[in-house]
Amino acid sequence: MKKKHEQVIDPCIQICTIDSDSGLCIGCSRTPKEINNWFLMTPEEKIELVKQLAKR
């Protein structure tokens, strides 16, 4: 059973630099938009994003 307030660990590792070629953070592989939207996302959206990050 899922917890009502499921926590998803933020992928940020405090290396916050956007690569000019890829447009992705070199620390967490997220786009600036994904970083900004993290706290607005549902747990399900965060889980899906983390799965996508593993493929980048």
Protein backbone atom coordinates (compact mmCIF):
# COMPACT_ATOMS: atom_id res chain seq x y z
CA MET A 1 0.00 0.00 0.00
CA LYS A 2 1.27 3.48 -0.85
CA LYS A 3 1.82 5.99 1.88
CA LYS A 4 -0.46 9.00 1.71
CA HIS A 5 2.47 11.45 1.72
CA GLU A 6 5.07 9.40 -0.11
CA GLN A 7 8.51 11.03 -0.08
CA VAL A 8 10.72 10.98 -3.17
CA ILE A 9 14.35 11.88 -2.61
CA ASP A 10 15.43 14.97 -4.51
CA PRO A 11 18.10 13.97 -7.06
CA CYS A 12 20.08 17.17 -6.38
CA ILE A 13 23.66 16.46 -5.28
CA GLN A 14 24.63 20.14 -4.81
CA ILE A 15 26.59 20.36 -8.07
CA CYS A 16 24.29 22.90 -9.70
CA THR A 17 25.75 23.81 -13.07
CA ILE A 18 23.85 23.69 -16.35
CA ASP A 19 25.88 22.22 -19.21
CA SER A 20 25.73 24.63 -22.15
CA ASP A 21 25.66 21.82 -24.74
CA SER A 22 23.01 19.53 -23.25
CA GLY A 23 21.06 22.06 -21.20
CA LEU A 24 21.11 19.61 -18.28
CA CYS A 25 22.48 20.05 -14.78
CA ILE A 26 25.82 18.25 -14.57
CA GLY A 27 24.98 17.12 -11.04
CA CYS A 28 21.47 15.71 -11.33
CA SER A 29 20.83 15.60 -15.12
CA ARG A 30 17.63 17.65 -14.82
CA THR A 31 16.65 20.57 -17.01
CA PRO A 32 16.24 23.97 -15.37
CA LYS A 33 12.45 23.59 -15.76
CA GLU A 34 12.51 20.19 -14.03
CA ILE A 35 14.58 21.64 -11.18
CA ASN A 36 12.20 24.59 -10.75
CA ASN A 37 9.10 22.38 -10.88
CA TRP A 38 10.36 19.71 -8.44
CA PHE A 39 8.46 21.07 -5.43
CA LEU A 40 5.26 21.40 -7.48
CA MET A 41 5.34 17.83 -8.79
CA THR A 42 3.29 14.96 -7.37
CA PRO A 43 5.16 11.97 -5.94
CA GLU A 44 4.18 9.99 -9.04
CA GLU A 45 5.62 12.67 -11.34
CA LYS A 46 8.83 12.75 -9.32
CA ILE A 47 9.20 8.96 -9.50
CA GLU A 48 8.72 9.06 -13.28
CA LEU A 49 11.30 11.85 -13.62
CA VAL A 50 13.85 9.96 -11.50
CA LYS A 51 13.38 6.93 -13.80
CA GLN A 52 14.02 9.17 -16.82
CA LEU A 53 17.14 10.64 -15.20
CA ALA A 54 18.68 7.18 -14.93
CA LYS A 55 18.52 6.93 -18.74
CA ARG A 56 20.17 10.29 -19.44
